[in-house]
Amino acid sequence: MDPVSQLASAGTFRALKEPLAFLRALELLFAIFAFATCGGYSGGLRLSVDCVNKTDSDLSIDIAFAYPFRLHQVAFEVPTCEGKEREKLALTGDSSSSAEFFVTVAVFAFLYSLAATVVYIFYQNKYRENNRGPLIDFIVTVVFSFLWLVGSSAWAKGLSDVKVATDPKEVLLLMSACKQPSNKCMAIHSPVMSSLNTSVVFGFLNFILWAGNIWFVFKETGWHSSGQRYLPDPMEKHSSSYNQGRYHQDSYGSGGGYSQQESLGPASDEFGQQSGGPASFTNPI
C-alpha cells in the first residue's frame, strides 16, 4: 500500500471535514483562480483606418497588451492619411500597481493556505498543543482578510481604467487621421475582458472566505477558551435562583408559624384565666 493510501486509511485526512481545514482548502483553490485569471491575461484590439487615398490606409492595426497593464508603454503606429507618413501613439493609463498588488496578495495567500492545510492534516496535534499556533493563524487570517478586501477593491478600480483605456472608441480618438471626416476609422476587434472580470469576482470571494474563517480560527485560540470559562452556566443560574427562592420561602414559613404561635399563646392563657376561674353566683333571695 502506498503512503497516501496508508494516511487516508488511518484517517489523517479527516481534518478536511472540519470547517477550519475545509475553508483553508477552498482558499487555496480560489487564490489559484484569482492570480491565474489576472496574472496570466493577455489581450488586444484591432482597428482599421481607411484613408481617402487608399494607398495610405491601414486596415489591420493590432494593439496588444497584457499583465501588469502598463498601458502607457504600449506603443503602436497608425497612418496619418497624409502620404506614407505614420504617427506613433501609445495607450493611456497605468494600472500596474493595483494589478501587481492583487496578484501578490493572491500568491502569498496561496502559499499560506497550502502550508496551513498541511499543518491541519499532518500536524494537528502540535498545532493545538499550545496557543501560539492558533494565535499566529488568527492574526494572519485577519491580515489576509483585510488585504483581500483592499486588493480586490483596488483591482476592480484598476480594471475599470483598463477597460476605458482599451476601448476602441477611445483609442480612435487619439489618431489624427480619424479626426478628419473624409477618413473612415472603425474597430474590427475589441478586447475580451471576461477573465479579468472573473479575477475580480474571485478576489471578493476570497475576502468572504478569509473573513468567514476568522471565527473558526478564533475558536482554536486561548481567548475563546478563556471567554467560555467565565460565561455563567444557565443551569447553575437557574438552580441558584431556585434554591434562593426556596430559602426565602422556608424562612417565611418558619417565621410565620413562630409568630402565630406567639400570638396564640397569650390569647389561650387569657382565655384559660377567664374560663378556668370559679364562677361566683349570688342568690338575691
C-alpha atoms as a PDB file:
ATOM      1  CA  MET A   1       0.000   0.000   0.000  1.00  0.00           C
ATOM      2  CA  ASP A   2       1.409   3.416  -0.954  1.00  0.00           C
ATOM      3  CA  PRO A   3       1.958   6.118   1.727  1.00  0.00           C
ATOM      4  CA  VAL A   4      -1.017   8.221   0.565  1.00  0.00           C
ATOM      5  CA  SER A   5      -3.378   5.269   0.938  1.00  0.00           C
ATOM      6  CA  GLN A   6      -1.965   4.495   4.379  1.00  0.00           C
ATOM      7  CA  LEU A   7      -2.525   8.066   5.510  1.00  0.00           C
ATOM      8  CA  ALA A   8      -6.061   8.079   4.133  1.00  0.00           C
ATOM      9  CA  SER A   9      -6.862   4.740   5.743  1.00  0.00           C
ATOM     10  CA  ALA A  10      -5.507   5.987   9.071  1.00  0.00           C
ATOM     11  CA  GLY A  11      -7.942   8.883   8.995  1.00  0.00           C
ATOM     12  CA  THR A  12      -5.313  11.585   8.542  1.00  0.00           C
ATOM     13  CA  PHE A  13      -7.421  13.483   6.001  1.00  0.00           C
ATOM     14  CA  ARG A  14     -10.384  13.508   8.351  1.00  0.00           C
ATOM     15  CA  ALA A  15      -9.365  17.056   9.296  1.00  0.00           C
ATOM     16  CA  LEU A  16     -10.614  18.256   5.900  1.00  0.00           C
ATOM     17  CA  LYS A  17     -14.154  17.543   7.073  1.00  0.00           C
ATOM     18  CA  GLU A  18     -13.810  20.217   9.736  1.00  0.00           C
ATOM     19  CA  PRO A  19     -14.715  23.806   8.753  1.00  0.00           C
ATOM     20  CA  LEU A  20     -11.257  25.150   9.577  1.00  0.00           C
ATOM     21  CA  ALA A  21      -9.323  22.903   7.197  1.00  0.00           C
ATOM     22  CA  PHE A  22     -12.101  22.778   4.597  1.00  0.00           C
ATOM     23  CA  LEU A  23     -12.173  26.570   4.249  1.00  0.00           C
ATOM     24  CA  ARG A  24      -8.383  26.649   4.017  1.00  0.00           C
ATOM     25  CA  ALA A  25      -8.538  24.206   1.109  1.00  0.00           C
ATOM     26  CA  LEU A  26     -11.123  26.398  -0.621  1.00  0.00           C
ATOM     27  CA  GLU A  27      -8.951  29.459  -0.039  1.00  0.00           C
ATOM     28  CA  LEU A  28      -6.068  27.641  -1.685  1.00  0.00           C
ATOM     29  CA  LEU A  29      -8.106  26.882  -4.813  1.00  0.00           C
ATOM     30  CA  PHE A  30      -9.693  30.324  -5.038  1.00  0.00           C
ATOM     31  CA  ALA A  31      -6.291  32.003  -4.674  1.00  0.00           C
ATOM     32  CA  ILE A  32      -5.030  29.984  -7.660  1.00  0.00           C
ATOM     33  CA  PHE A  33      -8.003  31.109  -9.749  1.00  0.00           C
ATOM     34  CA  ALA A  34      -7.515  34.733  -8.673  1.00  0.00           C
ATOM     35  CA  PHE A  35      -3.881  35.155  -9.681  1.00  0.00           C
ATOM     36  CA  ALA A  36      -4.170  32.877 -12.725  1.00  0.00           C
ATOM     37  CA  THR A  37      -7.040  34.834 -14.283  1.00  0.00           C
ATOM     38  CA  CYS A  38      -5.308  38.160 -13.639  1.00  0.00           C
ATOM     39  CA  GLY A  39      -1.593  37.447 -13.927  1.00  0.00           C
ATOM     40  CA  GLY A  40      -1.954  35.261 -17.000  1.00  0.00           C
ATOM     41  CA  TYR A  41      -4.031  37.689 -19.041  1.00  0.00           C
ATOM     42  CA  SER A  42      -3.053  38.924 -22.487  1.00  0.00           C
ATOM     43  CA  GLY A  43      -5.411  40.614 -24.898  1.00  0.00           C
ATOM     44  CA  GLY A  44      -5.598  43.085 -27.712  1.00  0.00           C
ATOM     45  CA  LEU A  45      -7.746  45.035 -30.117  1.00  0.00           C
ATOM     46  CA  ARG A  46      -7.703  45.603 -33.856  1.00  0.00           C
ATOM     47  CA  LEU A  47      -8.516  48.873 -35.602  1.00  0.00           C
ATOM     48  CA  SER A  48      -8.925  49.956 -39.203  1.00  0.00           C
ATOM     49  CA  VAL A  49      -8.106  53.323 -40.802  1.00  0.00           C
ATOM     50  CA  ASP A  50      -9.424  53.776 -44.338  1.00  0.00           C
ATOM     51  CA  CYS A  51      -7.951  56.918 -45.878  1.00  0.00           C
ATOM     52  CA  VAL A  52      -9.260  58.794 -48.876  1.00  0.00           C
ATOM     53  CA  ASN A  53      -6.057  57.803 -50.601  1.00  0.00           C
ATOM     54  CA  LYS A  54      -6.334  54.036 -50.399  1.00  0.00           C
ATOM     55  CA  THR A  55      -2.578  53.554 -50.579  1.00  0.00           C
ATOM     56  CA  ASP A  56      -2.206  55.302 -47.214  1.00  0.00           C
ATOM     57  CA  SER A  57      -4.803  53.124 -45.488  1.00  0.00           C
ATOM     58  CA  ASP A  58      -4.102  50.523 -42.844  1.00  0.00           C
ATOM     59  CA  LEU A  59      -6.997  48.137 -42.397  1.00  0.00           C
ATOM     60  CA  SER A  60      -5.414  45.992 -39.659  1.00  0.00           C
ATOM     61  CA  ILE A  61      -3.808  47.804 -36.752  1.00  0.00           C
ATOM     62  CA  ASP A  62      -3.171  45.365 -33.908  1.00  0.00           C
ATOM     63  CA  ILE A  63      -2.628  46.655 -30.379  1.00  0.00           C
ATOM     64  CA  ALA A  64      -1.649  44.028 -27.805  1.00  0.00           C
ATOM     65  CA  PHE A  65      -1.419  44.480 -24.052  1.00  0.00           C
ATOM     66  CA  ALA A  66      -1.029  42.173 -21.069  1.00  0.00           C
ATOM     67  CA  TYR A  67      -0.400  41.983 -17.342  1.00  0.00           C
ATOM     68  CA  PRO A  68       0.746  44.136 -15.490  1.00  0.00           C
ATOM     69  CA  PHE A  69      -1.149  46.652 -17.669  1.00  0.00           C
ATOM     70  CA  ARG A  70       1.393  49.429 -18.070  1.00  0.00           C
ATOM     71  CA  LEU A  71      -0.673  50.758 -20.901  1.00  0.00           C
ATOM     72  CA  HIS A  72       1.325  53.958 -21.351  1.00  0.00           C
ATOM     73  CA  GLN A  73       4.188  51.747 -22.552  1.00  0.00           C
ATOM     74  CA  VAL A  74       2.051  50.024 -25.220  1.00  0.00           C
ATOM     75  CA  ALA A  75       3.063  51.823 -28.416  1.00  0.00           C
ATOM     76  CA  PHE A  76       1.651  51.389 -31.912  1.00  0.00           C
ATOM     77  CA  GLU A  77       1.888  53.140 -35.280  1.00  0.00           C
ATOM     78  CA  VAL A  78      -1.055  54.389 -37.345  1.00  0.00           C
ATOM     79  CA  PRO A  79      -1.291  56.148 -40.703  1.00  0.00           C
ATOM     80  CA  THR A  80      -1.834  59.894 -40.888  1.00  0.00           C
ATOM     81  CA  CYS A  81      -3.505  59.672 -44.330  1.00  0.00           C
ATOM     82  CA  GLU A  82      -1.015  62.296 -45.494  1.00  0.00           C
ATOM     83  CA  GLY A  83       1.283  60.290 -47.680  1.00  0.00           C
ATOM     84  CA  LYS A  84       3.372  57.492 -46.268  1.00  0.00           C
ATOM     85  CA  GLU A  85       3.951  59.272 -43.019  1.00  0.00           C
ATOM     86  CA  ARG A  86       2.887  57.389 -39.880  1.00  0.00           C
ATOM     87  CA  GLU A  87       2.484  58.607 -36.327  1.00  0.00           C
ATOM     88  CA  LYS A  88       3.488  56.746 -33.201  1.00  0.00           C
ATOM     89  CA  LEU A  89       0.962  56.632 -30.371  1.00  0.00           C
ATOM     90  CA  ALA A  90       0.554  54.857 -27.041  1.00  0.00           C
ATOM     91  CA  LEU A  91      -2.342  53.853 -24.863  1.00  0.00           C
ATOM     92  CA  THR A  92      -3.120  55.889 -21.774  1.00  0.00           C
ATOM     93  CA  GLY A  93      -3.111  54.853 -18.139  1.00  0.00           C
ATOM     94  CA  ASP A  94      -1.132  52.633 -15.797  1.00  0.00           C
ATOM     95  CA  SER A  95      -2.898  50.018 -13.653  1.00  0.00           C
ATOM     96  CA  SER A  96       0.205  48.026 -12.806  1.00  0.00           C
ATOM     97  CA  SER A  97       0.225  48.926  -9.109  1.00  0.00           C
ATOM     98  CA  SER A  98      -3.259  47.608  -8.377  1.00  0.00           C
ATOM     99  CA  ALA A  99      -2.814  44.543 -10.607  1.00  0.00           C
ATOM    100  CA  GLU A 100       0.548  43.591  -9.106  1.00  0.00           C
ATOM    101  CA  PHE A 101      -0.713  44.132  -5.564  1.00  0.00           C
ATOM    102  CA  PHE A 102      -3.715  41.897  -6.270  1.00  0.00           C
ATOM    103  CA  VAL A 103      -1.564  39.112  -7.712  1.00  0.00           C
ATOM    104  CA  THR A 104       0.968  39.403  -4.866  1.00  0.00           C
ATOM    105  CA  VAL A 105      -1.773  39.002  -2.254  1.00  0.00           C
ATOM    106  CA  ALA A 106      -3.142  36.006  -4.166  1.00  0.00           C
ATOM    107  CA  VAL A 107       0.259  34.301  -4.382  1.00  0.00           C
ATOM    108  CA  PHE A 108       1.078  34.750  -0.694  1.00  0.00           C
ATOM    109  CA  ALA A 109      -2.448  33.691   0.292  1.00  0.00           C
ATOM    110  CA  PHE A 110      -1.987  30.539  -1.770  1.00  0.00           C
ATOM    111  CA  LEU A 111       1.333  29.744  -0.097  1.00  0.00           C
ATOM    112  CA  TYR A 112      -0.017  30.310   3.401  1.00  0.00           C
ATOM    113  CA  SER A 113      -3.187  28.314   2.723  1.00  0.00           C
ATOM    114  CA  LEU A 114      -1.085  25.443   1.421  1.00  0.00           C
ATOM    115  CA  ALA A 115       1.161  25.480   4.486  1.00  0.00           C
ATOM    116  CA  ALA A 116      -1.788  25.794   6.882  1.00  0.00           C
ATOM    117  CA  THR A 117      -3.631  22.922   5.218  1.00  0.00           C
ATOM    118  CA  VAL A 118      -0.570  20.682   5.556  1.00  0.00           C
ATOM    119  CA  VAL A 119      -0.311  21.594   9.252  1.00  0.00           C
ATOM    120  CA  TYR A 120      -4.012  20.895   9.842  1.00  0.00           C
ATOM    121  CA  ILE A 121      -3.766  17.476   8.226  1.00  0.00           C
ATOM    122  CA  PHE A 122      -0.398  16.136   9.373  1.00  0.00           C
ATOM    123  CA  TYR A 123       0.498  18.217  12.454  1.00  0.00           C
ATOM    124  CA  GLN A 124      -2.859  18.912  14.038  1.00  0.00           C
ATOM    125  CA  ASN A 125      -1.753  17.738  17.486  1.00  0.00           C
ATOM    126  CA  LYS A 126       1.250  20.052  17.506  1.00  0.00           C
ATOM    127  CA  TYR A 127      -0.930  22.892  16.190  1.00  0.00           C
ATOM    128  CA  ARG A 128      -3.273  22.558  19.159  1.00  0.00           C
ATOM    129  CA  GLU A 129      -0.533  21.743  21.663  1.00  0.00           C
ATOM    130  CA  ASN A 130      -0.238  25.363  22.804  1.00  0.00           C
ATOM    131  CA  ASN A 131      -1.828  28.694  21.990  1.00  0.00           C
ATOM    132  CA  ARG A 132       0.999  30.002  19.793  1.00  0.00           C
ATOM    133  CA  GLY A 133      -0.048  28.230  16.598  1.00  0.00           C
ATOM    134  CA  PRO A 134      -3.738  29.205  16.691  1.00  0.00           C
ATOM    135  CA  LEU A 135      -2.838  32.757  17.722  1.00  0.00           C
ATOM    136  CA  ILE A 136      -0.495  33.241  14.753  1.00  0.00           C
ATOM    137  CA  ASP A 137      -3.060  31.634  12.494  1.00  0.00           C
ATOM    138  CA  PHE A 138      -5.737  34.012  13.755  1.00  0.00           C
ATOM    139  CA  ILE A 139      -3.616  37.140  13.212  1.00  0.00           C
ATOM    140  CA  VAL A 140      -2.570  36.072   9.708  1.00  0.00           C
ATOM    141  CA  THR A 141      -6.189  35.291   8.794  1.00  0.00           C
ATOM    142  CA  VAL A 142      -7.325  38.757   9.881  1.00  0.00           C
ATOM    143  CA  VAL A 143      -4.482  40.412   7.941  1.00  0.00           C
ATOM    144  CA  PHE A 144      -5.201  38.474   4.756  1.00  0.00           C
ATOM    145  CA  SER A 145      -8.911  39.265   5.027  1.00  0.00           C
ATOM    146  CA  PHE A 146      -8.053  42.959   5.054  1.00  0.00           C
ATOM    147  CA  LEU A 147      -5.545  42.566   2.193  1.00  0.00           C
ATOM    148  CA  TRP A 148      -8.079  40.727   0.049  1.00  0.00           C
ATOM    149  CA  LEU A 149     -10.631  43.478   0.571  1.00  0.00           C
ATOM    150  CA  VAL A 150      -8.168  46.248  -0.271  1.00  0.00           C
ATOM    151  CA  GLY A 151      -6.574  44.373  -3.170  1.00  0.00           C
ATOM    152  CA  SER A 152      -9.869  43.372  -4.760  1.00  0.00           C
ATOM    153  CA  SER A 153     -11.292  46.879  -4.456  1.00  0.00           C
ATOM    154  CA  ALA A 154      -8.142  48.447  -5.918  1.00  0.00           C
ATOM    155  CA  TRP A 155      -8.006  45.949  -8.773  1.00  0.00           C
ATOM    156  CA  ALA A 156     -11.709  46.480  -9.551  1.00  0.00           C
ATOM    157  CA  LYS A 157     -10.954  50.210  -9.985  1.00  0.00           C
ATOM    158  CA  GLY A 158      -7.828  49.403 -11.999  1.00  0.00           C
ATOM    159  CA  LEU A 159      -9.767  47.066 -14.276  1.00  0.00           C
ATOM    160  CA  SER A 160     -12.310  49.801 -14.895  1.00  0.00           C
ATOM    161  CA  ASP A 161      -9.476  52.098 -16.014  1.00  0.00           C
ATOM    162  CA  VAL A 162      -8.076  49.371 -18.273  1.00  0.00           C
ATOM    163  CA  LYS A 163     -11.450  48.930 -19.953  1.00  0.00           C
ATOM    164  CA  VAL A 164     -11.715  52.651 -20.635  1.00  0.00           C
ATOM    165  CA  ALA A 165      -8.144  52.951 -21.928  1.00  0.00           C
ATOM    166  CA  THR A 166      -8.507  49.971 -24.292  1.00  0.00           C
ATOM    167  CA  ASP A 167     -11.943  50.874 -25.568  1.00  0.00           C
ATOM    168  CA  PRO A 168     -11.600  51.055 -29.377  1.00  0.00           C
ATOM    169  CA  LYS A 169     -13.646  54.262 -29.484  1.00  0.00           C
ATOM    170  CA  GLU A 170     -11.267  55.929 -27.036  1.00  0.00           C
ATOM    171  CA  VAL A 171      -8.213  54.721 -28.967  1.00  0.00           C
ATOM    172  CA  LEU A 172      -9.580  56.028 -32.258  1.00  0.00           C
ATOM    173  CA  LEU A 173      -9.859  59.480 -30.716  1.00  0.00           C
ATOM    174  CA  LEU A 174      -6.066  59.504 -30.290  1.00  0.00           C
ATOM    175  CA  MET A 175      -5.474  59.269 -34.058  1.00  0.00           C
ATOM    176  CA  SER A 176      -5.198  62.468 -36.057  1.00  0.00           C
ATOM    177  CA  ALA A 177      -6.423  60.723 -39.211  1.00  0.00           C
ATOM    178  CA  CYS A 178      -9.694  59.801 -37.514  1.00  0.00           C
ATOM    179  CA  LYS A 179     -10.399  63.472 -36.741  1.00  0.00           C
ATOM    180  CA  GLN A 180     -10.909  64.135 -40.452  1.00  0.00           C
ATOM    181  CA  PRO A 181     -14.442  63.273 -41.636  1.00  0.00           C
ATOM    182  CA  SER A 182     -13.181  62.104 -45.018  1.00  0.00           C
ATOM    183  CA  ASN A 183     -11.325  59.171 -43.455  1.00  0.00           C
ATOM    184  CA  LYS A 184     -13.158  56.125 -42.108  1.00  0.00           C
ATOM    185  CA  CYS A 185     -11.966  54.657 -38.811  1.00  0.00           C
ATOM    186  CA  MET A 186     -13.567  51.646 -37.207  1.00  0.00           C
ATOM    187  CA  ALA A 187     -12.954  48.910 -34.674  1.00  0.00           C
ATOM    188  CA  ILE A 188     -12.593  45.382 -36.018  1.00  0.00           C
ATOM    189  CA  HIS A 189     -11.928  43.511 -32.798  1.00  0.00           C
ATOM    190  CA  SER A 190     -12.431  44.556 -29.163  1.00  0.00           C
ATOM    191  CA  PRO A 191     -10.502  43.095 -26.219  1.00  0.00           C
ATOM    192  CA  VAL A 192     -12.114  40.255 -24.273  1.00  0.00           C
ATOM    193  CA  MET A 193     -12.219  41.049 -20.560  1.00  0.00           C
ATOM    194  CA  SER A 194     -14.108  38.020 -19.235  1.00  0.00           C
ATOM    195  CA  SER A 195     -11.109  36.502 -17.441  1.00  0.00           C
ATOM    196  CA  LEU A 196     -10.278  39.836 -15.799  1.00  0.00           C
ATOM    197  CA  ASN A 197     -13.872  40.176 -14.610  1.00  0.00           C
ATOM    198  CA  THR A 198     -13.588  36.666 -13.188  1.00  0.00           C
ATOM    199  CA  SER A 199     -10.437  37.628 -11.292  1.00  0.00           C
ATOM    200  CA  VAL A 200     -12.290  40.440  -9.518  1.00  0.00           C
ATOM    201  CA  VAL A 201     -15.086  38.035  -8.566  1.00  0.00           C
ATOM    202  CA  PHE A 202     -12.585  35.542  -7.172  1.00  0.00           C
ATOM    203  CA  GLY A 203     -10.899  38.345  -5.261  1.00  0.00           C
ATOM    204  CA  PHE A 204     -14.061  39.236  -3.363  1.00  0.00           C
ATOM    205  CA  LEU A 205     -14.896  35.553  -2.877  1.00  0.00           C
ATOM    206  CA  ASN A 206     -11.502  35.117  -1.258  1.00  0.00           C
ATOM    207  CA  PHE A 207     -12.269  38.007   1.050  1.00  0.00           C
ATOM    208  CA  ILE A 208     -15.548  36.354   2.074  1.00  0.00           C
ATOM    209  CA  LEU A 209     -13.791  33.029   2.703  1.00  0.00           C
ATOM    210  CA  TRP A 210     -10.988  34.534   4.772  1.00  0.00           C
ATOM    211  CA  ALA A 211     -13.348  36.767   6.743  1.00  0.00           C
ATOM    212  CA  GLY A 212     -15.662  33.831   7.436  1.00  0.00           C
ATOM    213  CA  ASN A 213     -12.752  31.681   8.565  1.00  0.00           C
ATOM    214  CA  ILE A 214     -11.798  34.199  11.260  1.00  0.00           C
ATOM    215  CA  TRP A 215     -14.422  32.760  13.610  1.00  0.00           C
ATOM    216  CA  PHE A 216     -13.269  29.163  13.217  1.00  0.00           C
ATOM    217  CA  VAL A 217      -9.634  30.132  13.798  1.00  0.00           C
ATOM    218  CA  PHE A 218     -10.643  32.237  16.808  1.00  0.00           C
ATOM    219  CA  LYS A 219     -12.305  29.187  18.379  1.00  0.00           C
ATOM    220  CA  GLU A 220      -8.901  27.469  18.396  1.00  0.00           C
ATOM    221  CA  THR A 221      -7.225  30.263  20.371  1.00  0.00           C
ATOM    222  CA  GLY A 222      -7.000  30.578  24.130  1.00  0.00           C
ATOM    223  CA  TRP A 223      -9.049  33.773  24.003  1.00  0.00           C
ATOM    224  CA  HIS A 224     -12.164  31.837  23.102  1.00  0.00           C
ATOM    225  CA  SER A 225     -11.466  29.184  25.761  1.00  0.00           C
ATOM    226  CA  SER A 226     -10.946  31.784  28.494  1.00  0.00           C
ATOM    227  CA  GLY A 227     -14.099  33.587  27.448  1.00  0.00           C
ATOM    228  CA  GLN A 228     -16.106  30.365  27.632  1.00  0.00           C
ATOM    229  CA  ARG A 229     -14.650  29.632  31.051  1.00  0.00           C
ATOM    230  CA  TYR A 230     -16.097  32.799  32.611  1.00  0.00           C
ATOM    231  CA  LEU A 231     -19.510  32.617  30.987  1.00  0.00           C
ATOM    232  CA  PRO A 232     -22.295  31.857  33.541  1.00  0.00           C
ATOM    233  CA  ASP A 233     -23.939  28.478  33.190  1.00  0.00           C
ATOM    234  CA  PRO A 234     -27.705  28.874  32.644  1.00  0.00           C
ATOM    235  CA  MET A 235     -28.453  25.668  34.615  1.00  0.00           C
ATOM    236  CA  GLU A 236     -26.348  26.828  37.545  1.00  0.00           C
ATOM    237  CA  LYS A 237     -28.030  30.231  37.452  1.00  0.00           C
ATOM    238  CA  HIS A 238     -31.468  28.617  37.426  1.00  0.00           C
ATOM    239  CA  SER A 239     -30.526  26.256  40.279  1.00  0.00           C
ATOM    240  CA  SER A 240     -29.169  29.140  42.338  1.00  0.00           C
ATOM    241  CA  SER A 241     -32.304  31.230  41.891  1.00  0.00           C
ATOM    242  CA  TYR A 242     -34.434  28.202  42.733  1.00  0.00           C
ATOM    243  CA  ASN A 243     -32.510  27.488  45.943  1.00  0.00           C
ATOM    244  CA  GLN A 244     -32.627  31.169  46.891  1.00  0.00           C
ATOM    245  CA  GLY A 245     -36.386  31.276  46.394  1.00  0.00           C
ATOM    246  CA  ARG A 246     -36.781  28.080  48.372  1.00  0.00           C
ATOM    247  CA  TYR A 247     -34.694  29.536  51.213  1.00  0.00           C
ATOM    248  CA  HIS A 248     -36.860  32.648  51.402  1.00  0.00           C
ATOM    249  CA  GLN A 249     -39.987  30.516  51.335  1.00  0.00           C
ATOM    250  CA  ASP A 250     -38.736  28.329  54.201  1.00  0.00           C
ATOM    251  CA  SER A 251     -37.712  31.375  56.177  1.00  0.00           C
ATOM    252  CA  TYR A 252     -41.108  32.967  55.669  1.00  0.00           C
ATOM    253  CA  GLY A 253     -42.902  29.749  56.620  1.00  0.00           C
ATOM    254  CA  SER A 254     -40.941  29.193  59.827  1.00  0.00           C
ATOM    255  CA  GLY A 255     -41.155  32.853  60.832  1.00  0.00           C
ATOM    256  CA  GLY A 256     -44.879  32.979  60.204  1.00  0.00           C
ATOM    257  CA  GLY A 257     -45.561  29.849  62.235  1.00  0.00           C
ATOM    258  CA  TYR A 258     -43.489  31.152  65.106  1.00  0.00           C
ATOM    259  CA  SER A 259     -45.296  34.454  65.173  1.00  0.00           C
ATOM    260  CA  GLN A 260     -48.658  32.754  65.003  1.00  0.00           C
ATOM    261  CA  GLN A 261     -47.731  30.531  67.942  1.00  0.00           C
ATOM    262  CA  GLU A 262     -46.620  33.542  69.957  1.00  0.00           C
ATOM    263  CA  SER A 263     -49.797  35.428  69.179  1.00  0.00           C
ATOM    264  CA  LEU A 264     -51.943  32.488  70.120  1.00  0.00           C
ATOM    265  CA  GLY A 265     -50.100  31.810  73.367  1.00  0.00           C
ATOM    266  CA  PRO A 266     -51.326  34.784  75.410  1.00  0.00           C
ATOM    267  CA  ALA A 267     -54.807  34.529  73.986  1.00  0.00           C
ATOM    268  CA  SER A 268     -55.084  30.956  75.118  1.00  0.00           C
ATOM    269  CA  ASP A 269     -53.720  31.868  78.525  1.00  0.00           C
ATOM    270  CA  GLU A 270     -56.117  34.714  78.860  1.00  0.00           C
ATOM    271  CA  PHE A 271     -58.940  32.527  77.744  1.00  0.00           C
ATOM    272  CA  GLY A 272     -57.863  29.933  80.290  1.00  0.00           C
ATOM    273  CA  GLN A 273     -57.820  32.519  83.037  1.00  0.00           C
ATOM    274  CA  GLN A 274     -61.280  33.731  82.172  1.00  0.00           C
ATOM    275  CA  SER A 275     -62.798  30.274  81.860  1.00  0.00           C
ATOM    276  CA  GLY A 276     -60.669  28.478  84.455  1.00  0.00           C
ATOM    277  CA  GLY A 277     -61.595  30.691  87.478  1.00  0.00           C
ATOM    278  CA  PRO A 278     -64.516  29.701  89.782  1.00  0.00           C
ATOM    279  CA  ALA A 279     -67.772  31.264  88.814  1.00  0.00           C
ATOM    280  CA  SER A 280     -69.388  33.210  91.700  1.00  0.00           C
ATOM    281  CA  PHE A 281     -73.124  33.399  91.780  1.00  0.00           C
ATOM    282  CA  THR A 282     -75.030  35.338  94.447  1.00  0.00           C
ATOM    283  CA  ASN A 283     -78.576  34.490  95.076  1.00  0.00           C
ATOM    284  CA  PRO A 284     -80.563  37.628  95.706  1.00  0.00           C
ATOM    285  CA  ILE A 285     -83.142  35.692  97.582  1.00  0.00           C
END
